[in-house]
Structures are given as C-alpha cells and as structure tokens.
Amino acid sequence: MLYTKDTLIGEALDADESLANYFLEMGMHCLGCPSARGESIAEACAAHQVDCNALLAKLNAHAKV
C-alpha cells in the first residue's frame, strides 16, 4: 500500500498494525479512538506538529513501496 497525505489512519493501521509505532513516536497516543482512525495522515501531522513528508517517507519505507 502506498501511503499519502489523504490516507486515513484507520486504513493505514488496518493494512499494517505495526505502523502504530510510527504514530505513537510522533505523539499520537489515541490510535484506538474512532475519531483518530478517521483522520487523514495530513490532519494528524498538523495536529501534532509533525513533518508530514517525513512521516510518509517512514511509512512507505516500512511498506517497501
């Protein structure tokens, strides 16, 4: 799966639960919350002041895309 700014966190975690570590690393500790799962990666990065492109690079490297 290729992760983009528009990918929902829930979709990413459904595709690979081990990605939770990257979200926890950025300070997003509410991954089980229904509203968090409905956020896009871009929205989560904005809320946690994280460089979205850097996170996407990590996620896609992990997925070997």
PDB file of N, CA and C in Angstrom:
ATOM      1  N   MET A   1       0.848  -1.180   0.000  1.00  0.00           N
ATOM      2  CA  MET A   1       0.000   0.000   0.000  1.00  0.00           C
ATOM      3  C   MET A   1       0.888   1.235   0.000  1.00  0.00           C
ATOM      4  N   LEU A   2       0.562   2.194  -0.814  1.00  0.00           N
ATOM      5  CA  LEU A   2       1.261   3.480  -0.845  1.00  0.00           C
ATOM      6  C   LEU A   2       0.506   4.440   0.062  1.00  0.00           C
ATOM      7  N   TYR A   3       1.187   4.993   1.038  1.00  0.00           N
ATOM      8  CA  TYR A   3       0.570   5.922   1.983  1.00  0.00           C
ATOM      9  C   TYR A   3       0.743   7.340   1.473  1.00  0.00           C
ATOM     10  N   THR A   4      -0.340   8.118   1.533  1.00  0.00           N
ATOM     11  CA  THR A   4      -0.325   9.510   1.091  1.00  0.00           C
ATOM     12  C   THR A   4      -0.884  10.388   2.201  1.00  0.00           C
ATOM     13  N   LYS A   5      -0.843  11.690   1.990  1.00  0.00           N
ATOM     14  CA  LYS A   5      -1.389  12.631   2.965  1.00  0.00           C
ATOM     15  C   LYS A   5      -2.870  12.385   3.205  1.00  0.00           C
ATOM     16  N   ASP A   6      -3.564  11.843   2.208  1.00  0.00           N
ATOM     17  CA  ASP A   6      -5.005  11.629   2.310  1.00  0.00           C
ATOM     18  C   ASP A   6      -5.381  10.275   2.898  1.00  0.00           C
ATOM     19  N   THR A   7      -4.407   9.391   3.098  1.00  0.00           N
ATOM     20  CA  THR A   7      -4.696   8.081   3.675  1.00  0.00           C
ATOM     21  C   THR A   7      -5.223   8.266   5.090  1.00  0.00           C
ATOM     22  N   LEU A   8      -6.316   7.601   5.392  1.00  0.00           N
ATOM     23  CA  LEU A   8      -6.850   7.659   6.748  1.00  0.00           C
ATOM     24  C   LEU A   8      -6.006   6.786   7.669  1.00  0.00           C
ATOM     25  N   ILE A   9      -5.845   7.238   8.887  1.00  0.00           N
ATOM     26  CA  ILE A   9      -5.044   6.477   9.845  1.00  0.00           C
ATOM     27  C   ILE A   9      -5.627   5.083  10.033  1.00  0.00           C
ATOM     28  N   GLY A  10      -6.938   4.984  10.070  1.00  0.00           N
ATOM     29  CA  GLY A  10      -7.579   3.681  10.208  1.00  0.00           C
ATOM     30  C   GLY A  10      -7.242   2.751   9.064  1.00  0.00           C
ATOM     31  N   GLU A  11      -7.202   3.283   7.847  1.00  0.00           N
ATOM     32  CA  GLU A  11      -6.841   2.468   6.677  1.00  0.00           C
ATOM     33  C   GLU A  11      -5.401   1.980   6.793  1.00  0.00           C
ATOM     34  N   ALA A  12      -4.519   2.878   7.201  1.00  0.00           N
ATOM     35  CA  ALA A  12      -3.104   2.511   7.329  1.00  0.00           C
ATOM     36  C   ALA A  12      -2.925   1.413   8.375  1.00  0.00           C
ATOM     37  N   LEU A  13      -3.592   1.570   9.517  1.00  0.00           N
ATOM     38  CA  LEU A  13      -3.453   0.578  10.586  1.00  0.00           C
ATOM     39  C   LEU A  13      -4.116  -0.739  10.223  1.00  0.00           C
ATOM     40  N   ASP A  14      -5.213  -0.685   9.471  1.00  0.00           N
ATOM     41  CA  ASP A  14      -5.850  -1.922   9.012  1.00  0.00           C
ATOM     42  C   ASP A  14      -4.940  -2.680   8.051  1.00  0.00           C
ATOM     43  N   ALA A  15      -4.173  -1.930   7.254  1.00  0.00           N
ATOM     44  CA  ALA A  15      -3.262  -2.551   6.293  1.00  0.00           C
ATOM     45  C   ALA A  15      -2.037  -3.142   6.995  1.00  0.00           C
ATOM     46  N   ASP A  16      -1.582  -2.477   8.073  1.00  0.00           N
ATOM     47  CA  ASP A  16      -0.375  -2.933   8.775  1.00  0.00           C
ATOM     48  C   ASP A  16      -0.384  -2.361  10.192  1.00  0.00           C
ATOM     49  N   GLU A  17      -0.758  -3.172  11.152  1.00  0.00           N
ATOM     50  CA  GLU A  17      -0.851  -2.719  12.543  1.00  0.00           C
ATOM     51  C   GLU A  17       0.484  -2.248  13.108  1.00  0.00           C
ATOM     52  N   SER A  18       1.577  -2.738  12.562  1.00  0.00           N
ATOM     53  CA  SER A  18       2.887  -2.334  13.093  1.00  0.00           C
ATOM     54  C   SER A  18       3.203  -0.863  12.810  1.00  0.00           C
ATOM     55  N   LEU A  19       2.427  -0.223  11.935  1.00  0.00           N
ATOM     56  CA  LEU A  19       2.617   1.210  11.683  1.00  0.00           C
ATOM     57  C   LEU A  19       2.261   2.047  12.904  1.00  0.00           C
ATOM     58  N   ALA A  20       1.534   1.463  13.835  1.00  0.00           N
ATOM     59  CA  ALA A  20       1.152   2.190  15.054  1.00  0.00           C
ATOM     60  C   ALA A  20       2.381   2.776  15.734  1.00  0.00           C
ATOM     61  N   ASN A  21       3.502   2.088  15.668  1.00  0.00           N
ATOM     62  CA  ASN A  21       4.729   2.584  16.299  1.00  0.00           C
ATOM     63  C   ASN A  21       5.125   3.956  15.770  1.00  0.00           C
ATOM     64  N   TYR A  22       4.942   4.201  14.480  1.00  0.00           N
ATOM     65  CA  TYR A  22       5.312   5.494  13.895  1.00  0.00           C
ATOM     66  C   TYR A  22       4.382   6.605  14.382  1.00  0.00           C
ATOM     67  N   PHE A  23       3.097   6.275  14.537  1.00  0.00           N
ATOM     68  CA  PHE A  23       2.154   7.270  15.038  1.00  0.00           C
ATOM     69  C   PHE A  23       2.384   7.542  16.528  1.00  0.00           C
ATOM     70  N   LEU A  24       2.683   6.504  17.284  1.00  0.00           N
ATOM     71  CA  LEU A  24       2.981   6.689  18.701  1.00  0.00           C
ATOM     72  C   LEU A  24       4.248   7.520  18.873  1.00  0.00           C
ATOM     73  N   GLU A  25       5.231   7.277  18.012  1.00  0.00           N
ATOM     74  CA  GLU A  25       6.504   8.004  18.047  1.00  0.00           C
ATOM     75  C   GLU A  25       6.287   9.511  17.861  1.00  0.00           C
ATOM     76  N   MET A  26       5.274   9.885  17.070  1.00  0.00           N
ATOM     77  CA  MET A  26       5.015  11.298  16.808  1.00  0.00           C
ATOM     78  C   MET A  26       4.114  11.920  17.871  1.00  0.00           C
ATOM     79  N   GLY A  27       3.718  11.130  18.876  1.00  0.00           N
ATOM     80  CA  GLY A  27       2.912  11.660  19.963  1.00  0.00           C
ATOM     81  C   GLY A  27       1.430  11.403  19.823  1.00  0.00           C
ATOM     82  N   MET A  28       1.045  10.605  18.863  1.00  0.00           N
ATOM     83  CA  MET A  28      -0.367  10.304  18.659  1.00  0.00           C
ATOM     84  C   MET A  28      -0.702   9.045  19.449  1.00  0.00           C
ATOM     85  N   HIS A  29      -1.127   9.245  20.693  1.00  0.00           N
ATOM     86  CA  HIS A  29      -1.349   8.123  21.604  1.00  0.00           C
ATOM     87  C   HIS A  29      -2.803   7.676  21.678  1.00  0.00           C
ATOM     88  N   CYS A  30      -3.649   8.218  20.830  1.00  0.00           N
ATOM     89  CA  CYS A  30      -5.077   7.903  20.879  1.00  0.00           C
ATOM     90  C   CYS A  30      -5.505   7.100  19.650  1.00  0.00           C
ATOM     91  N   LEU A  31      -4.694   6.156  19.230  1.00  0.00           N
ATOM     92  CA  LEU A  31      -4.950   5.420  17.990  1.00  0.00           C
ATOM     93  C   LEU A  31      -6.232   4.597  18.011  1.00  0.00           C
ATOM     94  N   GLY A  32      -6.683   4.196  19.175  1.00  0.00           N
ATOM     95  CA  GLY A  32      -7.896   3.403  19.261  1.00  0.00           C
ATOM     96  C   GLY A  32      -9.160   4.233  19.207  1.00  0.00           C
ATOM     97  N   CYS A  33      -9.030   5.524  19.306  1.00  0.00           N
ATOM     98  CA  CYS A  33     -10.176   6.435  19.294  1.00  0.00           C
ATOM     99  C   CYS A  33     -10.798   6.461  17.896  1.00  0.00           C
ATOM    100  N   PRO A  34     -12.109   6.314  17.795  1.00  0.00           N
ATOM    101  CA  PRO A  34     -12.751   6.324  16.469  1.00  0.00           C
ATOM    102  C   PRO A  34     -12.461   7.586  15.661  1.00  0.00           C
ATOM    103  N   SER A  35     -12.393   8.742  16.316  1.00  0.00           N
ATOM    104  CA  SER A  35     -12.115   9.960  15.558  1.00  0.00           C
ATOM    105  C   SER A  35     -10.683   9.994  15.050  1.00  0.00           C
ATOM    106  N   ALA A  36      -9.740   9.431  15.813  1.00  0.00           N
ATOM    107  CA  ALA A  36      -8.348   9.388  15.354  1.00  0.00           C
ATOM    108  C   ALA A  36      -8.220   8.493  14.129  1.00  0.00           C
ATOM    109  N   ARG A  37      -8.916   7.373  14.129  1.00  0.00           N
ATOM    110  CA  ARG A  37      -8.851   6.450  12.990  1.00  0.00           C
ATOM    111  C   ARG A  37      -9.438   7.081  11.729  1.00  0.00           C
ATOM    112  N   GLY A  38     -10.301   8.074  11.901  1.00  0.00           N
ATOM    113  CA  GLY A  38     -10.919   8.735  10.756  1.00  0.00           C
ATOM    114  C   GLY A  38     -10.147   9.933  10.246  1.00  0.00           C
ATOM    115  N   GLU A  39      -9.075  10.285  10.929  1.00  0.00           N
ATOM    116  CA  GLU A  39      -8.237  11.409  10.490  1.00  0.00           C
ATOM    117  C   GLU A  39      -7.321  10.968   9.361  1.00  0.00           C
ATOM    118  N   SER A  40      -7.024  11.902   8.482  1.00  0.00           N
ATOM    119  CA  SER A  40      -6.016  11.621   7.458  1.00  0.00           C
ATOM    120  C   SER A  40      -4.634  11.773   8.088  1.00  0.00           C
ATOM    121  N   ILE A  41      -3.646  11.232   7.432  1.00  0.00           N
ATOM    122  CA  ILE A  41      -2.268  11.380   7.909  1.00  0.00           C
ATOM    123  C   ILE A  41      -1.896  12.858   7.964  1.00  0.00           C
ATOM    124  N   ALA A  42      -2.327  13.640   6.990  1.00  0.00           N
ATOM    125  CA  ALA A  42      -2.030  15.075   6.975  1.00  0.00           C
ATOM    126  C   ALA A  42      -2.667  15.780   8.167  1.00  0.00           C
ATOM    127  N   GLU A  43      -3.901  15.420   8.497  1.00  0.00           N
ATOM    128  CA  GLU A  43      -4.574  16.040   9.643  1.00  0.00           C
ATOM    129  C   GLU A  43      -3.868  15.693  10.946  1.00  0.00           C
ATOM    130  N   ALA A  44      -3.462  14.448  11.090  1.00  0.00           N
ATOM    131  CA  ALA A  44      -2.763  14.024  12.298  1.00  0.00           C
ATOM    132  C   ALA A  44      -1.427  14.749  12.430  1.00  0.00           C
ATOM    133  N   CYS A  45      -0.716  14.886  11.332  1.00  0.00           N
ATOM    134  CA  CYS A  45       0.573  15.581  11.367  1.00  0.00           C
ATOM    135  C   CYS A  45       0.391  17.049  11.744  1.00  0.00           C
ATOM    136  N   ALA A  46      -0.626  17.684  11.200  1.00  0.00           N
ATOM    137  CA  ALA A  46      -0.887  19.086  11.523  1.00  0.00           C
ATOM    138  C   ALA A  46      -1.221  19.241  13.006  1.00  0.00           C
ATOM    139  N   ALA A  47      -2.023  18.333  13.539  1.00  0.00           N
ATOM    140  CA  ALA A  47      -2.425  18.414  14.944  1.00  0.00           C
ATOM    141  C   ALA A  47      -1.256  18.182  15.890  1.00  0.00           C
ATOM    142  N   HIS A  48      -0.262  17.417  15.454  1.00  0.00           N
ATOM    143  CA  HIS A  48       0.870  17.067  16.318  1.00  0.00           C
ATOM    144  C   HIS A  48       2.169  17.740  15.894  1.00  0.00           C
ATOM    145  N   GLN A  49       2.073  18.733  14.998  1.00  0.00           N
ATOM    146  CA  GLN A  49       3.238  19.489  14.512  1.00  0.00           C
ATOM    147  C   GLN A  49       4.359  18.574  14.040  1.00  0.00           C
ATOM    148  N   VAL A  50       3.991  17.627  13.183  1.00  0.00           N
ATOM    149  CA  VAL A  50       4.944  16.669  12.628  1.00  0.00           C
ATOM    150  C   VAL A  50       5.064  16.910  11.131  1.00  0.00           C
ATOM    151  N   ASP A  51       6.274  16.794  10.607  1.00  0.00           N
ATOM    152  CA  ASP A  51       6.511  16.929   9.164  1.00  0.00           C
ATOM    153  C   ASP A  51       5.847  15.752   8.452  1.00  0.00           C
ATOM    154  N   CYS A  52       4.804  16.046   7.708  1.00  0.00           N
ATOM    155  CA  CYS A  52       4.024  15.000   7.049  1.00  0.00           C
ATOM    156  C   CYS A  52       4.862  14.232   6.032  1.00  0.00           C
ATOM    157  N   ASN A  53       5.679  14.923   5.281  1.00  0.00           N
ATOM    158  CA  ASN A  53       6.505  14.243   4.276  1.00  0.00           C
ATOM    159  C   ASN A  53       7.502  13.287   4.923  1.00  0.00           C
ATOM    160  N   ALA A  54       8.041  13.669   6.073  1.00  0.00           N
ATOM    161  CA  ALA A  54       8.982  12.792   6.775  1.00  0.00           C
ATOM    162  C   ALA A  54       8.269  11.540   7.278  1.00  0.00           C
ATOM    163  N   LEU A  55       7.061  11.712   7.824  1.00  0.00           N
ATOM    164  CA  LEU A  55       6.305  10.555   8.300  1.00  0.00           C
ATOM    165  C   LEU A  55       5.935   9.653   7.130  1.00  0.00           C
ATOM    166  N   LEU A  56       5.491  10.233   6.031  1.00  0.00           N
ATOM    167  CA  LEU A  56       5.135   9.423   4.856  1.00  0.00           C
ATOM    168  C   LEU A  56       6.336   8.653   4.337  1.00  0.00           C
ATOM    169  N   ALA A  57       7.503   9.267   4.373  1.00  0.00           N
ATOM    170  CA  ALA A  57       8.721   8.575   3.933  1.00  0.00           C
ATOM    171  C   ALA A  57       8.971   7.353   4.810  1.00  0.00           C
ATOM    172  N   LYS A  58       8.786   7.510   6.128  1.00  0.00           N
ATOM    173  CA  LYS A  58       8.981   6.366   7.041  1.00  0.00           C
ATOM    174  C   LYS A  58       7.943   5.266   6.773  1.00  0.00           C
ATOM    175  N   LEU A  59       6.677   5.667   6.632  1.00  0.00           N
ATOM    176  CA  LEU A  59       5.619   4.686   6.412  1.00  0.00           C
ATOM    177  C   LEU A  59       5.837   3.929   5.113  1.00  0.00           C
ATOM    178  N   ASN A  60       6.162   4.645   4.048  1.00  0.00           N
ATOM    179  CA  ASN A  60       6.344   3.991   2.754  1.00  0.00           C
ATOM    180  C   ASN A  60       7.634   3.172   2.704  1.00  0.00           C
ATOM    181  N   ALA A  61       8.667   3.591   3.423  1.00  0.00           N
ATOM    182  CA  ALA A  61       9.883   2.783   3.509  1.00  0.00           C
ATOM    183  C   ALA A  61       9.580   1.488   4.259  1.00  0.00           C
ATOM    184  N   HIS A  62       8.797   1.591   5.312  1.00  0.00           N
ATOM    185  CA  HIS A  62       8.399   0.406   6.075  1.00  0.00           C
ATOM    186  C   HIS A  62       7.606  -0.543   5.192  1.00  0.00           C
ATOM    187  N   ALA A  63       6.751   0.023   4.354  1.00  0.00           N
ATOM    188  CA  ALA A  63       5.930  -0.796   3.445  1.00  0.00           C
ATOM    189  C   ALA A  63       6.716  -1.229   2.215  1.00  0.00           C
ATOM    190  N   LYS A  64       7.922  -0.710   2.070  1.00  0.00           N
ATOM    191  CA  LYS A  64       8.801  -1.013   0.931  1.00  0.00           C
ATOM    192  C   LYS A  64       8.123  -0.695  -0.411  1.00  0.00           C
ATOM    193  N   VAL A  65       7.518   0.506  -0.441  1.00  0.00           N
ATOM    194  CA  VAL A  65       6.840   0.954  -1.680  1.00  0.00           C
ATOM    195  C   VAL A  65       7.797   1.811  -2.467  1.00  0.00           C
TER     196      VAL A  65
END
